[in-house]
C-alpha atoms as a PDB file:
ATOM      1  CA  UNK A   1      86.295 159.776 116.882  1.00  0.00           C
ATOM      2  CA  UNK A   2      86.919 155.987 116.811  1.00  0.00           C
ATOM      3  CA  UNK A   3      84.402 153.593 115.302  1.00  0.00           C
ATOM      4  CA  UNK A   4      81.768 152.305 117.711  1.00  0.00           C
ATOM      5  CA  UNK A   5      82.456 148.686 118.707  1.00  0.00           C
ATOM      6  CA  UNK A   6      79.881 148.375 121.488  1.00  0.00           C
ATOM      7  CA  UNK A   7      79.810 149.382 125.132  1.00  0.00           C
ATOM      8  CA  UNK A   8      82.630 147.990 127.291  1.00  0.00           C
ATOM      9  CA  UNK A   9      81.772 145.688 130.178  1.00  0.00           C
ATOM     10  CA  UNK A  10      83.427 148.261 132.426  1.00  0.00           C
ATOM     11  CA  UNK A  11      80.408 150.468 131.694  1.00  0.00           C
ATOM     12  CA  UNK A  12      78.443 148.654 134.386  1.00  0.00           C
ATOM     13  CA  UNK A  13      81.322 148.108 136.757  1.00  0.00           C
ATOM     14  CA  UNK A  14      81.860 151.883 136.849  1.00  0.00           C
ATOM     15  CA  UNK A  15      78.168 152.545 137.549  1.00  0.00           C
ATOM     16  CA  UNK A  16      78.179 149.867 140.253  1.00  0.00           C
ATOM     17  CA  UNK A  17      81.172 151.497 141.920  1.00  0.00           C
ATOM     18  CA  UNK A  18      79.524 154.891 141.645  1.00  0.00           C
ATOM     19  CA  UNK A  19      76.441 153.582 143.483  1.00  0.00           C
ATOM     20  CA  UNK A  20      78.653 152.609 146.417  1.00  0.00           C
ATOM     21  CA  UNK A  21      80.741 155.792 146.301  1.00  0.00           C
ATOM     22  CA  UNK A  22      78.356 158.521 145.195  1.00  0.00           C
ATOM     23  CA  UNK A  23      80.403 161.562 146.183  1.00  0.00           C
ATOM     24  CA  UNK A  24      82.109 164.382 144.340  1.00  0.00           C
ATOM     25  CA  UNK A  25      85.498 163.413 145.703  1.00  0.00           C
ATOM     26  CA  UNK A  26      85.233 159.826 144.505  1.00  0.00           C
ATOM     27  CA  UNK A  27      83.860 160.855 141.118  1.00  0.00           C
ATOM     28  CA  UNK A  28      86.665 163.331 140.492  1.00  0.00           C
ATOM     29  CA  UNK A  29      89.221 160.692 141.445  1.00  0.00           C
ATOM     30  CA  UNK A  30      87.612 158.316 138.948  1.00  0.00           C
ATOM     31  CA  UNK A  31      86.578 160.777 136.251  1.00  0.00           C
ATOM     32  CA  UNK A  32      88.924 159.184 133.725  1.00  0.00           C
ATOM     33  CA  UNK A  33      87.089 155.875 134.112  1.00  0.00           C
ATOM     34  CA  UNK A  34      83.750 157.638 133.597  1.00  0.00           C
ATOM     35  CA  UNK A  35      85.002 159.276 130.423  1.00  0.00           C
ATOM     36  CA  UNK A  36      86.620 156.098 129.091  1.00  0.00           C
ATOM     37  CA  UNK A  37      83.951 153.535 129.905  1.00  0.00           C
ATOM     38  CA  UNK A  38      80.699 155.522 129.898  1.00  0.00           C
ATOM     39  CA  UNK A  39      80.959 158.910 128.203  1.00  0.00           C
ATOM     40  CA  UNK A  40      83.131 158.124 125.183  1.00  0.00           C
ATOM     41  CA  UNK A  41      81.281 154.918 124.165  1.00  0.00           C
ATOM     42  CA  UNK A  42      77.971 156.771 124.554  1.00  0.00           C
ATOM     43  CA  UNK A  43      79.188 159.509 122.213  1.00  0.00           C
ATOM     44  CA  UNK A  44      80.211 156.908 119.647  1.00  0.00           C
ATOM     45  CA  UNK A  45      76.790 155.241 119.990  1.00  0.00           C
ATOM     46  CA  UNK A  46      75.050 158.563 119.302  1.00  0.00           C
ATOM     47  CA  UNK A  47      77.009 159.065 116.090  1.00  0.00           C
ATOM     48  CA  UNK A  48      76.438 155.533 114.784  1.00  0.00           C
ATOM     49  CA  UNK A  49      72.791 155.436 115.775  1.00  0.00           C
ATOM     50  CA  UNK A  50      72.200 158.862 114.275  1.00  0.00           C
ATOM     51  CA  UNK A  51      73.597 157.666 110.951  1.00  0.00           C
ATOM     52  CA  UNK A  52      71.382 154.589 111.108  1.00  0.00           C
ATOM     53  CA  UNK A  53      68.220 156.434 112.112  1.00  0.00           C
ATOM     54  CA  UNK A  54      68.487 158.861 109.189  1.00  0.00           C
ATOM     55  CA  UNK A  55      67.061 156.074 107.030  1.00  0.00           C
ATOM     56  CA  UNK A  56      63.710 156.388 108.819  1.00  0.00           C
ATOM     57  CA  UNK A  57      64.033 159.796 110.501  1.00  0.00           C
ATOM     58  CA  UNK A  58      65.853 162.080 108.035  1.00  0.00           C
ATOM     59  CA  UNK A  59      65.785 165.127 110.326  1.00  0.00           C
ATOM     60  CA  UNK A  60      67.262 163.330 113.336  1.00  0.00           C
ATOM     61  CA  UNK A  61      69.360 165.344 115.753  1.00  0.00           C
ATOM     62  CA  UNK A  62      72.226 163.170 116.981  1.00  0.00           C
ATOM     63  CA  UNK A  63      74.602 165.487 118.801  1.00  0.00           C
ATOM     64  CA  UNK A  64      77.204 163.671 120.932  1.00  0.00           C
ATOM     65  CA  UNK A  65      77.433 166.359 123.611  1.00  0.00           C
ATOM     66  CA  UNK A  66      76.201 166.728 127.186  1.00  0.00           C
ATOM     67  CA  UNK A  67      72.755 168.397 127.313  1.00  0.00           C
ATOM     68  CA  UNK A  68      72.205 167.460 123.673  1.00  0.00           C
ATOM     69  CA  UNK A  69      72.014 163.734 122.934  1.00  0.00           C
ATOM     70  CA  UNK A  70      73.703 162.863 126.227  1.00  0.00           C
ATOM     71  CA  UNK A  71      72.078 163.623 129.552  1.00  0.00           C
ATOM     72  CA  UNK A  72      74.420 164.978 132.180  1.00  0.00           C
ATOM     73  CA  UNK A  73      75.412 162.632 134.978  1.00  0.00           C
ATOM     74  CA  UNK A  74      75.032 165.323 137.630  1.00  0.00           C
ATOM     75  CA  UNK A  75      71.746 165.193 139.537  1.00  0.00           C
ATOM     76  CA  UNK A  76      69.628 168.242 140.321  1.00  0.00           C
ATOM     77  CA  UNK A  77      69.359 167.842 144.093  1.00  0.00           C
ATOM     78  CA  UNK A  78      67.762 171.219 144.891  1.00  0.00           C
ATOM     79  CA  UNK A  79      64.326 169.784 145.615  1.00  0.00           C
ATOM     80  CA  UNK A  80      65.262 166.219 146.449  1.00  0.00           C
ATOM     81  CA  UNK A  81      65.727 164.498 149.792  1.00  0.00           C
ATOM     82  CA  UNK A  82      68.339 162.332 148.115  1.00  0.00           C
ATOM     83  CA  UNK A  83      71.437 164.528 147.875  1.00  0.00           C
ATOM     84  CA  UNK A  84      73.543 162.011 145.962  1.00  0.00           C
ATOM     85  CA  UNK A  85      75.335 164.204 143.410  1.00  0.00           C
ATOM     86  CA  UNK A  86      75.394 161.738 140.499  1.00  0.00           C
ATOM     87  CA  UNK A  87      73.015 159.584 138.511  1.00  0.00           C
ATOM     88  CA  UNK A  88      73.857 155.896 138.404  1.00  0.00           C
ATOM     89  CA  UNK A  89      72.431 155.382 134.914  1.00  0.00           C
ATOM     90  CA  UNK A  90      73.013 156.653 131.396  1.00  0.00           C
ATOM     91  CA  UNK A  91      70.418 158.330 129.204  1.00  0.00           C
ATOM     92  CA  UNK A  92      70.752 158.959 125.461  1.00  0.00           C
ATOM     93  CA  UNK A  93      68.306 161.045 123.408  1.00  0.00           C
ATOM     94  CA  UNK A  94      68.083 161.561 119.648  1.00  0.00           C
ATOM     95  CA  UNK A  95      65.219 163.812 118.615  1.00  0.00           C
ATOM     96  CA  UNK A  96      63.583 164.781 115.341  1.00  0.00           C
ATOM     97  CA  UNK A  97      61.599 167.830 114.364  1.00  0.00           C
ATOM     98  CA  UNK A  98      61.806 171.594 114.204  1.00  0.00           C
ATOM     99  CA  UNK A  99      61.090 172.231 117.867  1.00  0.00           C
ATOM    100  CA  UNK A 100      63.444 172.387 120.841  1.00  0.00           C
ATOM    101  CA  UNK A 101      65.189 169.273 122.118  1.00  0.00           C
ATOM    102  CA  UNK A 102      62.714 168.372 124.865  1.00  0.00           C
ATOM    103  CA  UNK A 103      59.669 169.596 122.924  1.00  0.00           C
ATOM    104  CA  UNK A 104      60.261 167.059 120.149  1.00  0.00           C
ATOM    105  CA  UNK A 105      59.552 163.389 119.757  1.00  0.00           C
ATOM    106  CA  UNK A 106      62.616 161.205 119.578  1.00  0.00           C
ATOM    107  CA  UNK A 107      64.408 157.976 120.326  1.00  0.00           C
ATOM    108  CA  UNK A 108      65.588 157.141 123.836  1.00  0.00           C
ATOM    109  CA  UNK A 109      68.031 154.664 125.354  1.00  0.00           C
ATOM    110  CA  UNK A 110      68.184 154.317 129.136  1.00  0.00           C
ATOM    111  CA  UNK A 111      70.652 151.944 130.789  1.00  0.00           C
ATOM    112  CA  UNK A 112      70.402 151.207 134.506  1.00  0.00           C
ATOM    113  CA  UNK A 113      70.791 148.241 136.871  1.00  0.00           C
ATOM    114  CA  UNK A 114      71.809 145.999 133.990  1.00  0.00           C
ATOM    115  CA  UNK A 115      68.534 146.685 132.203  1.00  0.00           C
ATOM    116  CA  UNK A 116      68.026 148.646 129.017  1.00  0.00           C
ATOM    117  CA  UNK A 117      64.956 150.673 128.130  1.00  0.00           C
ATOM    118  CA  UNK A 118      64.434 151.512 124.463  1.00  0.00           C
ATOM    119  CA  UNK A 119      61.649 153.937 123.630  1.00  0.00           C
ATOM    120  CA  UNK A 120      60.221 156.661 121.428  1.00  0.00           C
ATOM    121  CA  UNK A 121      57.985 159.683 121.961  1.00  0.00           C
ATOM    122  CA  UNK A 122      57.827 162.446 124.576  1.00  0.00           C
ATOM    123  CA  UNK A 123      57.782 161.516 128.247  1.00  0.00           C
ATOM    124  CA  UNK A 124      56.182 164.764 129.442  1.00  0.00           C
ATOM    125  CA  UNK A 125      54.630 167.422 127.220  1.00  0.00           C
ATOM    126  CA  UNK A 126      55.620 171.033 127.923  1.00  0.00           C
ATOM    127  CA  UNK A 127      52.499 173.234 128.134  1.00  0.00           C
ATOM    128  CA  UNK A 128      52.426 174.466 124.495  1.00  0.00           C
ATOM    129  CA  UNK A 129      53.014 170.912 123.276  1.00  0.00           C
ATOM    130  CA  UNK A 130      50.297 169.513 125.556  1.00  0.00           C
ATOM    131  CA  UNK A 131      47.745 171.930 124.113  1.00  0.00           C
ATOM    132  CA  UNK A 132      48.748 171.002 120.566  1.00  0.00           C
ATOM    133  CA  UNK A 133      48.608 167.297 121.387  1.00  0.00           C
ATOM    134  CA  UNK A 134      45.099 167.559 122.844  1.00  0.00           C
ATOM    135  CA  UNK A 135      43.811 169.388 119.805  1.00  0.00           C
ATOM    136  CA  UNK A 136      45.209 166.614 117.624  1.00  0.00           C
ATOM    137  CA  UNK A 137      43.639 163.899 119.783  1.00  0.00           C
ATOM    138  CA  UNK A 138      40.125 165.301 119.207  1.00  0.00           C
ATOM    139  CA  UNK A 139      40.727 166.083 115.541  1.00  0.00           C
ATOM    140  CA  UNK A 140      38.788 163.566 113.463  1.00  0.00           C
ATOM    141  CA  UNK A 141      41.612 162.708 111.049  1.00  0.00           C
ATOM    142  CA  UNK A 142      44.578 162.980 113.433  1.00  0.00           C
ATOM    143  CA  UNK A 143      42.684 161.217 116.212  1.00  0.00           C
ATOM    144  CA  UNK A 144      41.980 158.254 113.965  1.00  0.00           C
ATOM    145  CA  UNK A 145      45.633 158.178 112.889  1.00  0.00           C
ATOM    146  CA  UNK A 146      46.703 158.133 116.534  1.00  0.00           C
ATOM    147  CA  UNK A 147      44.561 155.074 117.246  1.00  0.00           C
ATOM    148  CA  UNK A 148      46.039 153.280 114.236  1.00  0.00           C
ATOM    149  CA  UNK A 149      49.596 154.163 115.286  1.00  0.00           C
ATOM    150  CA  UNK A 150      49.041 152.956 118.836  1.00  0.00           C
ATOM    151  CA  UNK A 151      47.511 149.688 117.606  1.00  0.00           C
ATOM    152  CA  UNK A 152      50.447 149.021 115.264  1.00  0.00           C
ATOM    153  CA  UNK A 153      52.890 149.490 118.110  1.00  0.00           C
ATOM    154  CA  UNK A 154      51.010 147.616 120.828  1.00  0.00           C
ATOM    155  CA  UNK A 155      50.270 144.705 118.472  1.00  0.00           C
ATOM    156  CA  UNK A 156      54.024 144.142 118.369  1.00  0.00           C
ATOM    157  CA  UNK A 157      54.202 143.889 122.141  1.00  0.00           C
ATOM    158  CA  UNK A 158      55.367 147.376 123.066  1.00  0.00           C
ATOM    159  CA  UNK A 159      53.965 149.335 125.980  1.00  0.00           C
ATOM    160  CA  UNK A 160      52.337 152.654 125.096  1.00  0.00           C
ATOM    161  CA  UNK A 161      51.795 154.961 128.043  1.00  0.00           C
ATOM    162  CA  UNK A 162      51.607 158.510 129.284  1.00  0.00           C
ATOM    163  CA  UNK A 163      48.371 158.412 131.267  1.00  0.00           C
ATOM    164  CA  UNK A 164      48.499 160.929 134.114  1.00  0.00           C
ATOM    165  CA  UNK A 165      45.158 162.672 134.695  1.00  0.00           C
ATOM    166  CA  UNK A 166      42.085 161.094 136.274  1.00  0.00           C
ATOM    167  CA  UNK A 167      39.593 163.330 134.495  1.00  0.00           C
ATOM    168  CA  UNK A 168      39.307 164.649 130.960  1.00  0.00           C
ATOM    169  CA  UNK A 169      40.576 168.252 130.962  1.00  0.00           C
ATOM    170  CA  UNK A 170      38.099 171.107 131.046  1.00  0.00           C
ATOM    171  CA  UNK A 171      36.861 172.113 127.618  1.00  0.00           C
ATOM    172  CA  UNK A 172      36.889 168.571 126.209  1.00  0.00           C
ATOM    173  CA  UNK A 173      34.040 166.057 126.029  1.00  0.00           C
ATOM    174  CA  UNK A 174      34.335 163.326 128.653  1.00  0.00           C
ATOM    175  CA  UNK A 175      32.688 160.848 126.267  1.00  0.00           C
ATOM    176  CA  UNK A 176      34.854 161.694 123.276  1.00  0.00           C
ATOM    177  CA  UNK A 177      35.946 158.526 121.387  1.00  0.00           C
ATOM    178  CA  UNK A 178      39.578 159.444 122.154  1.00  0.00           C
ATOM    179  CA  UNK A 179      38.936 160.569 125.747  1.00  0.00           C
ATOM    180  CA  UNK A 180      41.458 158.034 127.052  1.00  0.00           C
ATOM    181  CA  UNK A 181      44.294 159.865 125.287  1.00  0.00           C
ATOM    182  CA  UNK A 182      43.174 163.179 126.778  1.00  0.00           C
ATOM    183  CA  UNK A 183      44.282 161.801 130.154  1.00  0.00           C
ATOM    184  CA  UNK A 184      47.889 161.677 128.938  1.00  0.00           C
ATOM    185  CA  UNK A 185      50.563 164.250 129.760  1.00  0.00           C
ATOM    186  CA  UNK A 186      53.096 162.519 127.532  1.00  0.00           C
ATOM    187  CA  UNK A 187      53.074 159.817 124.886  1.00  0.00           C
ATOM    188  CA  UNK A 188      55.710 157.099 124.686  1.00  0.00           C
ATOM    189  CA  UNK A 189      56.233 153.563 123.494  1.00  0.00           C
ATOM    190  CA  UNK A 190      58.908 151.441 125.104  1.00  0.00           C
ATOM    191  CA  UNK A 191      60.370 148.057 125.841  1.00  0.00           C
ATOM    192  CA  UNK A 192      62.505 147.232 128.868  1.00  0.00           C
ATOM    193  CA  UNK A 193      64.754 144.188 128.928  1.00  0.00           C
ATOM    194  CA  UNK A 194      67.801 142.753 130.607  1.00  0.00           C
ATOM    195  CA  UNK A 195      70.911 144.039 128.899  1.00  0.00           C
ATOM    196  CA  UNK A 196      71.519 141.668 125.954  1.00  0.00           C
ATOM    197  CA  UNK A 197      74.955 140.361 125.011  1.00  0.00           C
ATOM    198  CA  UNK A 198      74.856 142.535 121.881  1.00  0.00           C
ATOM    199  CA  UNK A 199      75.169 145.579 124.170  1.00  0.00           C
ATOM    200  CA  UNK A 200      78.877 144.824 124.287  1.00  0.00           C
ATOM    201  CA  UNK A 201      79.334 144.755 120.508  1.00  0.00           C
ATOM    202  CA  UNK A 202      78.458 146.914 117.528  1.00  0.00           C
ATOM    203  CA  UNK A 203      75.352 144.728 117.106  1.00  0.00           C
ATOM    204  CA  UNK A 204      73.617 146.906 119.712  1.00  0.00           C
ATOM    205  CA  UNK A 205      73.053 149.436 116.924  1.00  0.00           C
ATOM    206  CA  UNK A 206      70.938 147.046 114.845  1.00  0.00           C
ATOM    207  CA  UNK A 207      69.260 145.711 117.996  1.00  0.00           C
ATOM    208  CA  UNK A 208      68.111 149.137 119.152  1.00  0.00           C
ATOM    209  CA  UNK A 209      67.301 150.262 115.600  1.00  0.00           C
ATOM    210  CA  UNK A 210      64.942 147.319 115.076  1.00  0.00           C
ATOM    211  CA  UNK A 211      62.985 148.357 118.173  1.00  0.00           C
ATOM    212  CA  UNK A 212      62.932 152.006 117.106  1.00  0.00           C
ATOM    213  CA  UNK A 213      61.675 151.002 113.661  1.00  0.00           C
ATOM    214  CA  UNK A 214      58.880 148.926 115.190  1.00  0.00           C
ATOM    215  CA  UNK A 215      57.777 151.866 117.331  1.00  0.00           C
ATOM    216  CA  UNK A 216      58.119 154.362 114.472  1.00  0.00           C
ATOM    217  CA  UNK A 217      54.353 154.890 113.838  1.00  0.00           C
ATOM    218  CA  UNK A 218      53.968 156.598 117.207  1.00  0.00           C
ATOM    219  CA  UNK A 219      56.998 158.822 116.682  1.00  0.00           C
ATOM    220  CA  UNK A 220      55.853 159.806 113.199  1.00  0.00           C
ATOM    221  CA  UNK A 221      52.384 160.727 114.464  1.00  0.00           C
ATOM    222  CA  UNK A 222      53.871 162.994 117.127  1.00  0.00           C
ATOM    223  CA  UNK A 223      56.290 164.587 114.691  1.00  0.00           C
ATOM    224  CA  UNK A 224      53.488 165.262 112.204  1.00  0.00           C
ATOM    225  CA  UNK A 225      51.383 166.911 114.908  1.00  0.00           C
ATOM    226  CA  UNK A 226      54.159 169.006 116.404  1.00  0.00           C
ATOM    227  CA  UNK A 227      55.746 170.124 113.140  1.00  0.00           C
ATOM    228  CA  UNK A 228      52.318 171.287 112.081  1.00  0.00           C
END
């Protein structure tokens, strides 16, 4: 696979055209453009970023395949009023740990509407992970480590979120020092910005990596908890 030199500017022009022509017929007629300008550069990014992230996340999974590190472009429209068959954004996911892909903490890149979101963590905990997370939140040692990790990340200007519930779940003390984190159904840190010029060069690797490194305390806490 060729060396990653950045995303082409046609990346966004293809997604813009897809927004206006979101149909299977149009997509099939323009599949070559999707593969050339969106899919192939994204695969190259996964490989390069995986190599870079191994410095700080040695067990990183960077697999340049659909339903691995690349999210499929097809939408699941079964329960949606919007029947548009394709997503008009690109999502990339590199995860670390000994659990399944979407049960692990990892590093995310989301590109849409000429904005880029760079984040770490788990957006929504599957049930077994949620139970494990809650037990860690109320654990004296792990709970204290969580607070420290969150402070390190937020002090650098990143948004930490995941709050979902209005009440502390049954079986937990409502006045627990970490009660706020018991309202979460996921735990992420992220930054969202306009797409920088470096997106179109190999410098996007270092740009994204610097954000991932800054948010690393949160990822490492989750990995420690989930790897058990």
